[in-house]
């Protein structure tokens, strides 16, 4: 006597999906025809079709949804090589979890307990190179300094020269 065991994945469609499946498989012309037939049968049904007259005007697409990643999704996407090595990625991901909705770094013992304060600080300082510039700073002063350093890198100025002296930065 031989026993055999096999495993197979079986997908069951619920009744609602089975009802919609034929409509999803037909062409748009056939779909229009079926809708017309349904409208004839049901006097209470109606179809409204929104079609912009001018495709170049921006107002026509007010209903269109465009996905915009959150601050956290954007940061998680930027935390990779070459800026961060594998060990630093773990620390950076923990730091991202400690960033407030305003974009400032707020220390959390539960999240950061596995890492040394020196390692956390060295990785956090690399956040000055991420977008948006200034996110991950401890306070608004540090955030503005990171933004100024970034601006001076683009424009070609000296941040210390713009500040004039350290007493304004403190």
Foldseek 3Di string as FASTA:
>chain_A
DDDDDDDDDDDDDDPVCVVCVVVVPDDPVVNVVVVVVVCVVDVVDDDDDQDDPDPPDPVSCPVPDDDDDAPLVQQLVPQDPDLADPVLNQLSNLQSVQADSVQEGDDDCVSCVVDDPVSNVVSLVSCLVGPPHQGSHHDPLSSVLSVLVVVCVVVVDDSCVVCVHCVSSD
